[in-house]
């Protein structure tokens, strides 16, 4: 189940953890987010244009339908839910109400344009401790009607964006990554990791399937882009970084775990193609993989 490739992984974790299949029934699962107040996971079933919810107490249920093809999600510092909407080509907010995220709460558009032109199709999203919202904007949601609405692109590039709510300013932080997808900060927020999944729709042997890393300079400027790790088989669609700085990424057949020095530490085998993942409480990792949601609980020896 867990293939250990570096003794540093076995020194930290018990390696006999078992993968659990929690539920199934999606077409393509993406963008899981852990809700600590509800002990639940929300995620997207993009082609079915709906969001699903799972908890130990309630099992799986449809949380919302007709969600305009949401993809990545995260929580804002105040507990609001932020969505990447392919259909609206926007970042969307569901406000927290009385300590809960309710499906019937009206959404708010955070940002949907850069320099007066519509975004491509925001894909994944993170919030920095200073309150800025960072997201990727590849074209996947406008290429067809399967995961959005087919449309002409208006942006000249596929950017990593930074939204500063205090200034009401959207800034293009970088266009170095050909087709930016997942993203995450290092624990000290001095590094920003961004995946390039341009190989997904390219001709064989073309495009990229790597994770890039940038230095984050004062003023939230990105510098010194370089390739952090080549991910194979498949693509590094989405990933998360733990408190120690280890990076856990999706691939075609597993969750791959990388040390900050770029070494591949371990593979956690998953029987379906992995789209994305998120951390839950008490060592839990929730994995959105094709039709299903999985969980593995890693016991930390520290």
C-alpha atoms as a PDB file:
ATOM      1  CA  UNK A   1       0.000   0.000   0.000  1.00  0.00           C
ATOM      2  CA  UNK A   2       2.829   2.428   0.954  1.00  0.00           C
ATOM      3  CA  UNK A   3       6.037   2.100  -1.043  1.00  0.00           C
ATOM      4  CA  UNK A   4       8.869   3.619   0.992  1.00  0.00           C
ATOM      5  CA  UNK A   5      11.657   5.064  -1.169  1.00  0.00           C
ATOM      6  CA  UNK A   6      13.556   6.994   1.491  1.00  0.00           C
ATOM      7  CA  UNK A   7      14.253   6.010   5.102  1.00  0.00           C
ATOM      8  CA  UNK A   8      13.206   9.485   6.257  1.00  0.00           C
ATOM      9  CA  UNK A   9       9.579   8.551   5.535  1.00  0.00           C
ATOM     10  CA  UNK A  10       9.720   5.322   7.558  1.00  0.00           C
ATOM     11  CA  UNK A  11      11.496   7.168  10.383  1.00  0.00           C
ATOM     12  CA  UNK A  12       8.566   9.564  10.650  1.00  0.00           C
ATOM     13  CA  UNK A  13       5.506   7.435   9.825  1.00  0.00           C
ATOM     14  CA  UNK A  14       4.223   3.972  10.545  1.00  0.00           C
ATOM     15  CA  UNK A  15       4.058   2.404   7.092  1.00  0.00           C
ATOM     16  CA  UNK A  16       1.307  -0.152   7.673  1.00  0.00           C
ATOM     17  CA  UNK A  17      -1.540   2.363   7.267  1.00  0.00           C
ATOM     18  CA  UNK A  18      -4.406   1.141   5.092  1.00  0.00           C
ATOM     19  CA  UNK A  19      -6.264   3.087   2.421  1.00  0.00           C
ATOM     20  CA  UNK A  20     -10.036   3.279   2.973  1.00  0.00           C
ATOM     21  CA  UNK A  21     -12.554   3.783   0.177  1.00  0.00           C
ATOM     22  CA  UNK A  22     -15.138   6.054   1.807  1.00  0.00           C
ATOM     23  CA  UNK A  23     -17.645   6.471  -1.021  1.00  0.00           C
ATOM     24  CA  UNK A  24     -18.027   6.465  -4.793  1.00  0.00           C
ATOM     25  CA  UNK A  25     -20.379   7.594  -7.565  1.00  0.00           C
ATOM     26  CA  UNK A  26     -18.639  10.624  -9.079  1.00  0.00           C
ATOM     27  CA  UNK A  27     -17.342  11.019 -12.632  1.00  0.00           C
ATOM     28  CA  UNK A  28     -14.230  13.095 -11.826  1.00  0.00           C
ATOM     29  CA  UNK A  29     -13.524  14.051  -8.217  1.00  0.00           C
ATOM     30  CA  UNK A  30     -11.552  17.219  -7.531  1.00  0.00           C
ATOM     31  CA  UNK A  31     -10.869  20.011  -5.074  1.00  0.00           C
ATOM     32  CA  UNK A  32     -11.453  18.435  -1.626  1.00  0.00           C
ATOM     33  CA  UNK A  33     -11.509  20.733   1.388  1.00  0.00           C
ATOM     34  CA  UNK A  34     -11.700  19.719   5.057  1.00  0.00           C
ATOM     35  CA  UNK A  35     -14.260  21.514   7.245  1.00  0.00           C
ATOM     36  CA  UNK A  36     -12.891  21.184  10.791  1.00  0.00           C
ATOM     37  CA  UNK A  37     -15.994  22.640  12.435  1.00  0.00           C
ATOM     38  CA  UNK A  38     -18.187  20.008  10.789  1.00  0.00           C
ATOM     39  CA  UNK A  39     -15.676  17.144  10.616  1.00  0.00           C
ATOM     40  CA  UNK A  40     -16.636  16.798   6.960  1.00  0.00           C
ATOM     41  CA  UNK A  41     -15.120  16.969   3.473  1.00  0.00           C
ATOM     42  CA  UNK A  42     -16.560  18.870   0.521  1.00  0.00           C
ATOM     43  CA  UNK A  43     -15.377  18.181  -3.014  1.00  0.00           C
ATOM     44  CA  UNK A  44     -16.371  18.668  -6.639  1.00  0.00           C
ATOM     45  CA  UNK A  45     -17.708  16.156  -9.149  1.00  0.00           C
ATOM     46  CA  UNK A  46     -16.897  18.457 -12.042  1.00  0.00           C
ATOM     47  CA  UNK A  47     -18.558  16.819 -15.102  1.00  0.00           C
ATOM     48  CA  UNK A  48     -21.741  16.245 -13.061  1.00  0.00           C
ATOM     49  CA  UNK A  49     -21.686  19.943 -12.106  1.00  0.00           C
ATOM     50  CA  UNK A  50     -22.209  19.269  -8.404  1.00  0.00           C
ATOM     51  CA  UNK A  51     -20.462  19.284  -5.049  1.00  0.00           C
ATOM     52  CA  UNK A  52     -20.464  16.326  -2.686  1.00  0.00           C
ATOM     53  CA  UNK A  53     -20.107  16.104   1.093  1.00  0.00           C
ATOM     54  CA  UNK A  54     -18.876  13.242   3.252  1.00  0.00           C
ATOM     55  CA  UNK A  55     -18.554  12.792   7.016  1.00  0.00           C
ATOM     56  CA  UNK A  56     -18.196   9.802   9.319  1.00  0.00           C
ATOM     57  CA  UNK A  57     -21.543  10.717  10.837  1.00  0.00           C
ATOM     58  CA  UNK A  58     -23.580  11.220   7.661  1.00  0.00           C
ATOM     59  CA  UNK A  59     -21.745   9.396   4.855  1.00  0.00           C
ATOM     60  CA  UNK A  60     -21.904  10.868   1.346  1.00  0.00           C
ATOM     61  CA  UNK A  61     -24.564  13.265   0.115  1.00  0.00           C
ATOM     62  CA  UNK A  62     -24.960  15.808  -2.663  1.00  0.00           C
ATOM     63  CA  UNK A  63     -24.199  19.173  -1.076  1.00  0.00           C
ATOM     64  CA  UNK A  64     -25.084  21.341  -4.091  1.00  0.00           C
ATOM     65  CA  UNK A  65     -26.075  20.876  -7.706  1.00  0.00           C
ATOM     66  CA  UNK A  66     -25.680  23.273 -10.664  1.00  0.00           C
ATOM     67  CA  UNK A  67     -22.526  24.701  -9.101  1.00  0.00           C
ATOM     68  CA  UNK A  68     -21.062  26.151 -12.324  1.00  0.00           C
ATOM     69  CA  UNK A  69     -18.351  23.505 -12.504  1.00  0.00           C
ATOM     70  CA  UNK A  70     -16.387  24.330  -9.368  1.00  0.00           C
ATOM     71  CA  UNK A  71     -12.910  22.843  -9.104  1.00  0.00           C
ATOM     72  CA  UNK A  72     -10.478  23.769  -6.294  1.00  0.00           C
ATOM     73  CA  UNK A  73     -11.590  25.002  -2.878  1.00  0.00           C
ATOM     74  CA  UNK A  74     -10.083  26.382   0.296  1.00  0.00           C
ATOM     75  CA  UNK A  75     -11.211  28.111   3.470  1.00  0.00           C
ATOM     76  CA  UNK A  76     -10.568  31.780   4.068  1.00  0.00           C
ATOM     77  CA  UNK A  77      -9.180  32.814   7.446  1.00  0.00           C
ATOM     78  CA  UNK A  78     -12.698  33.562   8.722  1.00  0.00           C
ATOM     79  CA  UNK A  79     -14.048  30.157   7.659  1.00  0.00           C
ATOM     80  CA  UNK A  80     -15.727  31.245   4.419  1.00  0.00           C
ATOM     81  CA  UNK A  81     -15.502  28.749   1.563  1.00  0.00           C
ATOM     82  CA  UNK A  82     -13.694  29.923  -1.570  1.00  0.00           C
ATOM     83  CA  UNK A  83     -14.423  28.165  -4.872  1.00  0.00           C
ATOM     84  CA  UNK A  84     -12.681  28.149  -8.228  1.00  0.00           C
ATOM     85  CA  UNK A  85     -15.570  28.271 -10.703  1.00  0.00           C
ATOM     86  CA  UNK A  86     -14.880  27.108 -14.240  1.00  0.00           C
ATOM     87  CA  UNK A  87     -18.395  28.031 -15.331  1.00  0.00           C
ATOM     88  CA  UNK A  88     -18.393  31.565 -13.953  1.00  0.00           C
ATOM     89  CA  UNK A  89     -14.683  31.999 -14.723  1.00  0.00           C
ATOM     90  CA  UNK A  90     -14.380  33.463 -11.260  1.00  0.00           C
ATOM     91  CA  UNK A  91     -13.351  33.081  -7.643  1.00  0.00           C
ATOM     92  CA  UNK A  92     -16.549  32.678  -5.629  1.00  0.00           C
ATOM     93  CA  UNK A  93     -17.184  32.910  -1.883  1.00  0.00           C
ATOM     94  CA  UNK A  94     -19.779  31.064   0.231  1.00  0.00           C
ATOM     95  CA  UNK A  95     -19.938  32.951   3.554  1.00  0.00           C
ATOM     96  CA  UNK A  96     -19.902  31.026   6.817  1.00  0.00           C
ATOM     97  CA  UNK A  97     -23.266  31.380   8.599  1.00  0.00           C
ATOM     98  CA  UNK A  98     -23.661  30.565  12.294  1.00  0.00           C
ATOM     99  CA  UNK A  99     -20.572  28.403  12.216  1.00  0.00           C
ATOM    100  CA  UNK A 100     -21.664  26.301   9.229  1.00  0.00           C
ATOM    101  CA  UNK A 101     -21.258  26.303   5.484  1.00  0.00           C
ATOM    102  CA  UNK A 102     -24.795  25.899   4.204  1.00  0.00           C
ATOM    103  CA  UNK A 103     -25.599  24.897   0.645  1.00  0.00           C
ATOM    104  CA  UNK A 104     -28.411  27.448   0.471  1.00  0.00           C
ATOM    105  CA  UNK A 105     -26.266  30.445   1.417  1.00  0.00           C
ATOM    106  CA  UNK A 106     -25.984  32.846  -1.550  1.00  0.00           C
ATOM    107  CA  UNK A 107     -22.531  33.069  -3.109  1.00  0.00           C
ATOM    108  CA  UNK A 108     -20.550  36.211  -3.784  1.00  0.00           C
ATOM    109  CA  UNK A 109     -18.190  36.869  -6.704  1.00  0.00           C
ATOM    110  CA  UNK A 110     -14.748  37.752  -5.365  1.00  0.00           C
ATOM    111  CA  UNK A 111     -13.042  38.455  -8.705  1.00  0.00           C
ATOM    112  CA  UNK A 112     -13.743  37.464 -12.309  1.00  0.00           C
ATOM    113  CA  UNK A 113     -11.690  39.844 -14.454  1.00  0.00           C
ATOM    114  CA  UNK A 114      -8.126  40.937 -14.967  1.00  0.00           C
ATOM    115  CA  UNK A 115      -7.506  44.234 -16.757  1.00  0.00           C
ATOM    116  CA  UNK A 116     -11.153  44.281 -17.788  1.00  0.00           C
ATOM    117  CA  UNK A 117     -11.085  40.860 -19.458  1.00  0.00           C
ATOM    118  CA  UNK A 118     -12.646  37.633 -18.207  1.00  0.00           C
ATOM    119  CA  UNK A 119     -10.425  35.085 -16.520  1.00  0.00           C
ATOM    120  CA  UNK A 120      -9.789  31.751 -18.250  1.00  0.00           C
ATOM    121  CA  UNK A 121     -11.112  29.227 -15.698  1.00  0.00           C
ATOM    122  CA  UNK A 122      -9.701  29.425 -12.153  1.00  0.00           C
ATOM    123  CA  UNK A 123      -8.515  25.981 -11.115  1.00  0.00           C
ATOM    124  CA  UNK A 124      -6.975  25.834  -7.631  1.00  0.00           C
ATOM    125  CA  UNK A 125      -6.662  28.266  -4.744  1.00  0.00           C
ATOM    126  CA  UNK A 126      -4.814  28.976  -1.494  1.00  0.00           C
ATOM    127  CA  UNK A 127      -4.934  31.777   1.079  1.00  0.00           C
ATOM    128  CA  UNK A 128      -1.749  33.278   2.495  1.00  0.00           C
ATOM    129  CA  UNK A 129      -1.602  34.302   6.148  1.00  0.00           C
ATOM    130  CA  UNK A 130      -1.636  37.988   5.159  1.00  0.00           C
ATOM    131  CA  UNK A 131      -5.124  37.435   3.672  1.00  0.00           C
ATOM    132  CA  UNK A 132      -4.137  37.496   0.008  1.00  0.00           C
ATOM    133  CA  UNK A 133      -5.832  34.900  -2.205  1.00  0.00           C
ATOM    134  CA  UNK A 134      -3.678  33.073  -4.753  1.00  0.00           C
ATOM    135  CA  UNK A 135      -5.075  31.040  -7.613  1.00  0.00           C
ATOM    136  CA  UNK A 136      -4.158  29.461 -10.943  1.00  0.00           C
ATOM    137  CA  UNK A 137      -5.952  30.231 -14.200  1.00  0.00           C
ATOM    138  CA  UNK A 138      -5.381  27.629 -16.947  1.00  0.00           C
ATOM    139  CA  UNK A 139      -7.842  27.268 -19.858  1.00  0.00           C
ATOM    140  CA  UNK A 140      -9.315  23.839 -19.044  1.00  0.00           C
ATOM    141  CA  UNK A 141     -12.829  25.051 -18.240  1.00  0.00           C
ATOM    142  CA  UNK A 142     -13.285  26.909 -21.547  1.00  0.00           C
ATOM    143  CA  UNK A 143     -11.945  24.236 -23.902  1.00  0.00           C
ATOM    144  CA  UNK A 144     -15.212  22.267 -23.952  1.00  0.00           C
ATOM    145  CA  UNK A 145     -18.573  21.986 -22.209  1.00  0.00           C
ATOM    146  CA  UNK A 146     -17.528  18.967 -20.132  1.00  0.00           C
ATOM    147  CA  UNK A 147     -15.989  20.908 -17.243  1.00  0.00           C
ATOM    148  CA  UNK A 148     -17.298  24.400 -17.948  1.00  0.00           C
ATOM    149  CA  UNK A 149     -18.610  26.393 -20.900  1.00  0.00           C
ATOM    150  CA  UNK A 150     -16.677  26.385 -24.157  1.00  0.00           C
ATOM    151  CA  UNK A 151     -15.593  29.921 -24.939  1.00  0.00           C
ATOM    152  CA  UNK A 152     -12.871  32.032 -26.478  1.00  0.00           C
ATOM    153  CA  UNK A 153     -10.094  32.956 -24.112  1.00  0.00           C
ATOM    154  CA  UNK A 154      -9.622  36.617 -23.272  1.00  0.00           C
ATOM    155  CA  UNK A 155      -6.384  36.434 -21.283  1.00  0.00           C
ATOM    156  CA  UNK A 156      -3.104  36.477 -23.181  1.00  0.00           C
ATOM    157  CA  UNK A 157      -1.480  33.982 -20.780  1.00  0.00           C
ATOM    158  CA  UNK A 158      -2.176  31.396 -18.092  1.00  0.00           C
ATOM    159  CA  UNK A 159      -1.325  33.217 -14.898  1.00  0.00           C
ATOM    160  CA  UNK A 160      -0.792  32.587 -11.248  1.00  0.00           C
ATOM    161  CA  UNK A 161      -2.820  35.416  -9.724  1.00  0.00           C
ATOM    162  CA  UNK A 162      -2.726  37.198  -6.364  1.00  0.00           C
ATOM    163  CA  UNK A 163      -5.903  38.928  -5.155  1.00  0.00           C
ATOM    164  CA  UNK A 164      -5.409  41.583  -2.469  1.00  0.00           C
ATOM    165  CA  UNK A 165      -8.843  42.195  -0.955  1.00  0.00           C
ATOM    166  CA  UNK A 166      -7.681  45.193   1.075  1.00  0.00           C
ATOM    167  CA  UNK A 167      -6.547  46.972  -2.086  1.00  0.00           C
ATOM    168  CA  UNK A 168      -9.236  45.439  -4.338  1.00  0.00           C
ATOM    169  CA  UNK A 169      -6.381  44.578  -6.654  1.00  0.00           C
ATOM    170  CA  UNK A 170      -5.752  41.514  -8.817  1.00  0.00           C
ATOM    171  CA  UNK A 171      -2.136  41.116  -9.834  1.00  0.00           C
ATOM    172  CA  UNK A 172      -0.651  38.624 -12.272  1.00  0.00           C
ATOM    173  CA  UNK A 173       2.156  37.152 -10.167  1.00  0.00           C
ATOM    174  CA  UNK A 174       3.651  34.925 -12.891  1.00  0.00           C
ATOM    175  CA  UNK A 175       3.079  33.396 -16.311  1.00  0.00           C
ATOM    176  CA  UNK A 176       6.237  31.240 -16.150  1.00  0.00           C
ATOM    177  CA  UNK A 177       4.269  27.991 -15.716  1.00  0.00           C
ATOM    178  CA  UNK A 178       2.781  26.921 -19.041  1.00  0.00           C
ATOM    179  CA  UNK A 179      -0.526  25.591 -17.634  1.00  0.00           C
ATOM    180  CA  UNK A 180      -0.609  26.233 -13.876  1.00  0.00           C
ATOM    181  CA  UNK A 181      -2.837  23.914 -11.870  1.00  0.00           C
ATOM    182  CA  UNK A 182      -2.307  23.042  -8.184  1.00  0.00           C
ATOM    183  CA  UNK A 183      -0.512  25.385  -5.814  1.00  0.00           C
ATOM    184  CA  UNK A 184       0.573  25.538  -2.172  1.00  0.00           C
ATOM    185  CA  UNK A 185       2.884  27.548   0.071  1.00  0.00           C
ATOM    186  CA  UNK A 186       5.688  26.163   2.186  1.00  0.00           C
ATOM    187  CA  UNK A 187       5.008  26.401   5.934  1.00  0.00           C
ATOM    188  CA  UNK A 188       7.006  29.643   6.261  1.00  0.00           C
ATOM    189  CA  UNK A 189       5.398  31.005   3.044  1.00  0.00           C
ATOM    190  CA  UNK A 190       8.801  31.778   1.567  1.00  0.00           C
ATOM    191  CA  UNK A 191       8.161  29.321  -1.272  1.00  0.00           C
ATOM    192  CA  UNK A 192       5.194  28.838  -3.585  1.00  0.00           C
ATOM    193  CA  UNK A 193       4.833  25.512  -5.376  1.00  0.00           C
ATOM    194  CA  UNK A 194       2.820  25.415  -8.638  1.00  0.00           C
ATOM    195  CA  UNK A 195       2.176  22.393 -10.822  1.00  0.00           C
ATOM    196  CA  UNK A 196       2.369  22.463 -14.616  1.00  0.00           C
ATOM    197  CA  UNK A 197      -0.043  19.972 -16.208  1.00  0.00           C
ATOM    198  CA  UNK A 198       0.373  21.110 -19.809  1.00  0.00           C
ATOM    199  CA  UNK A 199       1.096  17.502 -20.841  1.00  0.00           C
ATOM    200  CA  UNK A 200      -2.545  16.610 -20.127  1.00  0.00           C
ATOM    201  CA  UNK A 201      -3.895  17.739 -23.493  1.00  0.00           C
ATOM    202  CA  UNK A 202      -0.679  17.974 -25.464  1.00  0.00           C
ATOM    203  CA  UNK A 203       0.606  15.575 -28.110  1.00  0.00           C
ATOM    204  CA  UNK A 204       2.641  12.636 -26.770  1.00  0.00           C
ATOM    205  CA  UNK A 205       6.006  13.815 -25.542  1.00  0.00           C
ATOM    206  CA  UNK A 206       4.902  17.440 -25.391  1.00  0.00           C
ATOM    207  CA  UNK A 207       3.971  19.625 -22.435  1.00  0.00           C
ATOM    208  CA  UNK A 208       4.988  19.304 -18.791  1.00  0.00           C
ATOM    209  CA  UNK A 209       4.137  17.149 -15.803  1.00  0.00           C
ATOM    210  CA  UNK A 210       6.222  18.807 -13.114  1.00  0.00           C
ATOM    211  CA  UNK A 211       5.922  20.953  -9.999  1.00  0.00           C
ATOM    212  CA  UNK A 212       7.676  24.310 -10.127  1.00  0.00           C
ATOM    213  CA  UNK A 213       8.739  26.352  -7.123  1.00  0.00           C
ATOM    214  CA  UNK A 214       9.143  30.113  -6.716  1.00  0.00           C
ATOM    215  CA  UNK A 215      10.753  32.250  -4.037  1.00  0.00           C
ATOM    216  CA  UNK A 216       8.181  34.579  -2.447  1.00  0.00           C
ATOM    217  CA  UNK A 217       9.759  37.995  -1.932  1.00  0.00           C
ATOM    218  CA  UNK A 218       8.521  40.925   0.184  1.00  0.00           C
ATOM    219  CA  UNK A 219       5.468  42.512  -1.345  1.00  0.00           C
ATOM    220  CA  UNK A 220       4.263  39.102  -2.571  1.00  0.00           C
ATOM    221  CA  UNK A 221       6.461  39.065  -5.644  1.00  0.00           C
ATOM    222  CA  UNK A 222       7.534  35.730  -7.139  1.00  0.00           C
ATOM    223  CA  UNK A 223      11.117  35.167  -8.233  1.00  0.00           C
ATOM    224  CA  UNK A 224      13.630  32.513  -9.315  1.00  0.00           C
ATOM    225  CA  UNK A 225      11.238  29.940 -10.805  1.00  0.00           C
ATOM    226  CA  UNK A 226      12.663  26.450 -11.218  1.00  0.00           C
ATOM    227  CA  UNK A 227      11.479  22.855 -11.521  1.00  0.00           C
ATOM    228  CA  UNK A 228      11.062  21.191  -8.125  1.00  0.00           C
ATOM    229  CA  UNK A 229      10.076  17.662  -9.194  1.00  0.00           C
ATOM    230  CA  UNK A 230       9.010  15.706 -12.263  1.00  0.00           C
ATOM    231  CA  UNK A 231       5.925  13.645 -11.426  1.00  0.00           C
ATOM    232  CA  UNK A 232       5.277  10.373 -13.227  1.00  0.00           C
ATOM    233  CA  UNK A 233       3.174   8.472 -14.090  1.00  0.00           C
ATOM    234  CA  UNK A 234       0.455  10.965 -14.802  1.00  0.00           C
ATOM    235  CA  UNK A 235       0.309  14.544 -13.614  1.00  0.00           C
ATOM    236  CA  UNK A 236       0.684  16.580 -10.406  1.00  0.00           C
ATOM    237  CA  UNK A 237      -2.882  17.879 -10.632  1.00  0.00           C
ATOM    238  CA  UNK A 238      -3.275  18.956  -7.008  1.00  0.00           C
ATOM    239  CA  UNK A 239      -1.176  18.763  -3.849  1.00  0.00           C
ATOM    240  CA  UNK A 240      -0.749  19.922  -0.251  1.00  0.00           C
ATOM    241  CA  UNK A 241       2.262  20.706   1.956  1.00  0.00           C
ATOM    242  CA  UNK A 242       2.337  19.567   5.587  1.00  0.00           C
ATOM    243  CA  UNK A 243       3.695  21.422   8.627  1.00  0.00           C
ATOM    244  CA  UNK A 244       7.146  19.891   8.111  1.00  0.00           C
ATOM    245  CA  UNK A 245       7.280  21.078   4.508  1.00  0.00           C
ATOM    246  CA  UNK A 246       6.758  17.698   2.852  1.00  0.00           C
ATOM    247  CA  UNK A 247       4.719  17.865  -0.343  1.00  0.00           C
ATOM    248  CA  UNK A 248       1.973  15.301  -1.089  1.00  0.00           C
ATOM    249  CA  UNK A 249       0.897  15.307  -4.728  1.00  0.00           C
ATOM    250  CA  UNK A 250      -1.525  13.512  -6.982  1.00  0.00           C
ATOM    251  CA  UNK A 251      -0.319  11.258  -9.782  1.00  0.00           C
ATOM    252  CA  UNK A 252      -1.899   8.647 -12.010  1.00  0.00           C
ATOM    253  CA  UNK A 253      -1.589   5.752  -9.566  1.00  0.00           C
ATOM    254  CA  UNK A 254      -0.656   7.157  -6.164  1.00  0.00           C
ATOM    255  CA  UNK A 255      -0.091  10.043  -3.814  1.00  0.00           C
ATOM    256  CA  UNK A 256       3.611  10.834  -4.086  1.00  0.00           C
ATOM    257  CA  UNK A 257       5.414  12.361  -1.106  1.00  0.00           C
ATOM    258  CA  UNK A 258       8.393  14.699  -1.643  1.00  0.00           C
ATOM    259  CA  UNK A 259      10.918  16.165   0.757  1.00  0.00           C
ATOM    260  CA  UNK A 260      11.665  19.916   0.421  1.00  0.00           C
ATOM    261  CA  UNK A 261      15.006  18.958  -1.114  1.00  0.00           C
ATOM    262  CA  UNK A 262      13.107  17.402  -4.050  1.00  0.00           C
ATOM    263  CA  UNK A 263      13.628  13.755  -3.064  1.00  0.00           C
ATOM    264  CA  UNK A 264      10.738  11.346  -3.624  1.00  0.00           C
ATOM    265  CA  UNK A 265      10.125   9.792  -0.196  1.00  0.00           C
ATOM    266  CA  UNK A 266       7.181   7.448  -0.757  1.00  0.00           C
ATOM    267  CA  UNK A 267       4.218   6.477  -2.879  1.00  0.00           C
ATOM    268  CA  UNK A 268       0.784   5.779  -1.386  1.00  0.00           C
ATOM    269  CA  UNK A 269      -0.927   3.509  -3.911  1.00  0.00           C
ATOM    270  CA  UNK A 270      -4.487   4.434  -4.943  1.00  0.00           C
ATOM    271  CA  UNK A 271      -6.555   2.212  -7.294  1.00  0.00           C
ATOM    272  CA  UNK A 272      -7.925   5.166  -9.289  1.00  0.00           C
ATOM    273  CA  UNK A 273      -6.336   8.199 -10.934  1.00  0.00           C
ATOM    274  CA  UNK A 274      -5.798  10.829  -8.255  1.00  0.00           C
ATOM    275  CA  UNK A 275      -7.122  14.350  -8.831  1.00  0.00           C
ATOM    276  CA  UNK A 276      -6.365  16.139  -5.584  1.00  0.00           C
ATOM    277  CA  UNK A 277      -6.152  15.721  -1.832  1.00  0.00           C
ATOM    278  CA  UNK A 278      -6.450  17.559   1.450  1.00  0.00           C
ATOM    279  CA  UNK A 279      -5.425  17.046   5.059  1.00  0.00           C
ATOM    280  CA  UNK A 280      -8.026  16.359   7.725  1.00  0.00           C
ATOM    281  CA  UNK A 281      -7.587  16.107  11.461  1.00  0.00           C
ATOM    282  CA  UNK A 282      -5.397  13.578  13.314  1.00  0.00           C
ATOM    283  CA  UNK A 283      -3.130  12.589  10.434  1.00  0.00           C
ATOM    284  CA  UNK A 284      -5.892  12.007   7.916  1.00  0.00           C
ATOM    285  CA  UNK A 285      -5.388  12.540   4.191  1.00  0.00           C
ATOM    286  CA  UNK A 286      -8.536  12.659   2.045  1.00  0.00           C
ATOM    287  CA  UNK A 287      -7.922  11.740  -1.585  1.00  0.00           C
ATOM    288  CA  UNK A 288     -10.266  12.674  -4.441  1.00  0.00           C
ATOM    289  CA  UNK A 289      -9.583  10.054  -7.108  1.00  0.00           C
ATOM    290  CA  UNK A 290     -11.708   9.696 -10.247  1.00  0.00           C
ATOM    291  CA  UNK A 291     -15.050   8.241  -9.075  1.00  0.00           C
ATOM    292  CA  UNK A 292     -14.300   7.994  -5.370  1.00  0.00           C
ATOM    293  CA  UNK A 293     -13.152   9.569  -2.108  1.00  0.00           C
ATOM    294  CA  UNK A 294     -10.438   7.728  -0.137  1.00  0.00           C
ATOM    295  CA  UNK A 295      -8.812   8.243   3.238  1.00  0.00           C
ATOM    296  CA  UNK A 296      -5.527   7.159   4.762  1.00  0.00           C
ATOM    297  CA  UNK A 297      -4.427   7.983   8.289  1.00  0.00           C
ATOM    298  CA  UNK A 298      -0.671   8.310   8.745  1.00  0.00           C
ATOM    299  CA  UNK A 299       0.494   7.793  12.298  1.00  0.00           C
ATOM    300  CA  UNK A 300       3.261  10.312  12.994  1.00  0.00           C
ATOM    301  CA  UNK A 301       6.012   8.894  15.203  1.00  0.00           C
ATOM    302  CA  UNK A 302       7.240  12.332  16.233  1.00  0.00           C
END
